[in-house]
């Protein structure tokens, strides 16, 4: 993900878990970044927890 908006769009449109606690927290955090109430890092952490909750494999390596 390159932005909180991209993460929010993915969470709201194509996420396999729609009622998990981490999922809801990630949605709120990503929306909060757009509103200026949540830091990018906090939203990133919430998104990673939602990935774990949904058992979606991921890597935090950054491609350059």
C-alpha atoms as a PDB file:
ATOM      1  CA  UNK A   1       0.000   0.000   0.000  1.00  0.00           C
ATOM      2  CA  UNK A   2       1.241   3.425  -0.834  1.00  0.00           C
ATOM      3  CA  UNK A   3      -1.301   5.446   1.130  1.00  0.00           C
ATOM      4  CA  UNK A   4      -3.966   5.287   3.790  1.00  0.00           C
ATOM      5  CA  UNK A   5      -6.544   5.973   1.080  1.00  0.00           C
ATOM      6  CA  UNK A   6      -5.435   2.889  -0.867  1.00  0.00           C
ATOM      7  CA  UNK A   7      -5.567   0.818   2.298  1.00  0.00           C
ATOM      8  CA  UNK A   8      -9.033   2.147   3.136  1.00  0.00           C
ATOM      9  CA  UNK A   9     -10.281   1.375  -0.367  1.00  0.00           C
ATOM     10  CA  UNK A  10      -8.939  -2.182  -0.156  1.00  0.00           C
ATOM     11  CA  UNK A  11     -10.371  -2.729   3.326  1.00  0.00           C
ATOM     12  CA  UNK A  12     -13.815  -1.474   2.350  1.00  0.00           C
ATOM     13  CA  UNK A  13     -14.087  -3.127  -1.063  1.00  0.00           C
ATOM     14  CA  UNK A  14     -12.215  -6.423  -1.078  1.00  0.00           C
ATOM     15  CA  UNK A  15     -11.427  -7.523   2.475  1.00  0.00           C
ATOM     16  CA  UNK A  16     -12.256 -11.153   3.340  1.00  0.00           C
ATOM     17  CA  UNK A  17     -13.194 -10.352   6.962  1.00  0.00           C
ATOM     18  CA  UNK A  18     -15.883  -7.757   7.552  1.00  0.00           C
ATOM     19  CA  UNK A  19     -16.432  -7.991  11.278  1.00  0.00           C
ATOM     20  CA  UNK A  20     -13.021  -8.416  12.890  1.00  0.00           C
ATOM     21  CA  UNK A  21     -11.780  -6.025  15.563  1.00  0.00           C
ATOM     22  CA  UNK A  22      -8.511  -5.321  13.751  1.00  0.00           C
ATOM     23  CA  UNK A  23     -10.396  -4.824  10.479  1.00  0.00           C
ATOM     24  CA  UNK A  24     -12.668  -2.187  12.031  1.00  0.00           C
ATOM     25  CA  UNK A  25      -9.726  -0.487  13.765  1.00  0.00           C
ATOM     26  CA  UNK A  26      -7.810  -0.368  10.473  1.00  0.00           C
ATOM     27  CA  UNK A  27     -10.762   1.160   8.638  1.00  0.00           C
ATOM     28  CA  UNK A  28     -11.097   3.813  11.332  1.00  0.00           C
ATOM     29  CA  UNK A  29      -7.349   4.490  11.386  1.00  0.00           C
ATOM     30  CA  UNK A  30      -7.091   4.872   7.614  1.00  0.00           C
ATOM     31  CA  UNK A  31     -10.059   7.199   7.613  1.00  0.00           C
ATOM     32  CA  UNK A  32      -8.462   9.099  10.491  1.00  0.00           C
ATOM     33  CA  UNK A  33      -5.324   9.730   8.427  1.00  0.00           C
ATOM     34  CA  UNK A  34      -7.462  11.320   5.731  1.00  0.00           C
ATOM     35  CA  UNK A  35      -9.157  13.461   8.399  1.00  0.00           C
ATOM     36  CA  UNK A  36      -5.809  14.400   9.964  1.00  0.00           C
ATOM     37  CA  UNK A  37      -6.537  12.719  13.332  1.00  0.00           C
ATOM     38  CA  UNK A  38      -4.329   9.613  12.994  1.00  0.00           C
ATOM     39  CA  UNK A  39      -0.669   9.317  12.040  1.00  0.00           C
ATOM     40  CA  UNK A  40       0.443   7.350   8.998  1.00  0.00           C
ATOM     41  CA  UNK A  41       2.459   5.031  11.245  1.00  0.00           C
ATOM     42  CA  UNK A  42      -0.526   4.284  13.481  1.00  0.00           C
ATOM     43  CA  UNK A  43      -2.682   3.479  10.449  1.00  0.00           C
ATOM     44  CA  UNK A  44       0.093   1.266   9.067  1.00  0.00           C
ATOM     45  CA  UNK A  45       0.250  -0.703  12.317  1.00  0.00           C
ATOM     46  CA  UNK A  46      -3.536  -1.108  12.320  1.00  0.00           C
ATOM     47  CA  UNK A  47      -3.479  -2.296   8.723  1.00  0.00           C
ATOM     48  CA  UNK A  48      -0.779  -4.889   9.509  1.00  0.00           C
ATOM     49  CA  UNK A  49      -2.888  -6.194  12.407  1.00  0.00           C
ATOM     50  CA  UNK A  50      -5.883  -6.474  10.071  1.00  0.00           C
ATOM     51  CA  UNK A  51      -3.737  -8.483   7.653  1.00  0.00           C
ATOM     52  CA  UNK A  52      -2.790 -10.853  10.464  1.00  0.00           C
ATOM     53  CA  UNK A  53      -6.389 -11.146  11.617  1.00  0.00           C
ATOM     54  CA  UNK A  54      -7.507 -12.057   8.094  1.00  0.00           C
ATOM     55  CA  UNK A  55      -4.554 -14.453   7.760  1.00  0.00           C
ATOM     56  CA  UNK A  56      -3.296 -12.638   4.682  1.00  0.00           C
ATOM     57  CA  UNK A  57       0.437 -13.128   4.106  1.00  0.00           C
ATOM     58  CA  UNK A  58       2.466  -9.968   3.712  1.00  0.00           C
ATOM     59  CA  UNK A  59       5.974  -8.601   3.677  1.00  0.00           C
ATOM     60  CA  UNK A  60       7.146  -5.302   5.087  1.00  0.00           C
ATOM     61  CA  UNK A  61      10.121  -5.186   2.711  1.00  0.00           C
ATOM     62  CA  UNK A  62      10.073  -2.029   0.658  1.00  0.00           C
ATOM     63  CA  UNK A  63      10.596  -2.418  -3.068  1.00  0.00           C
ATOM     64  CA  UNK A  64      12.792   0.275  -4.590  1.00  0.00           C
END
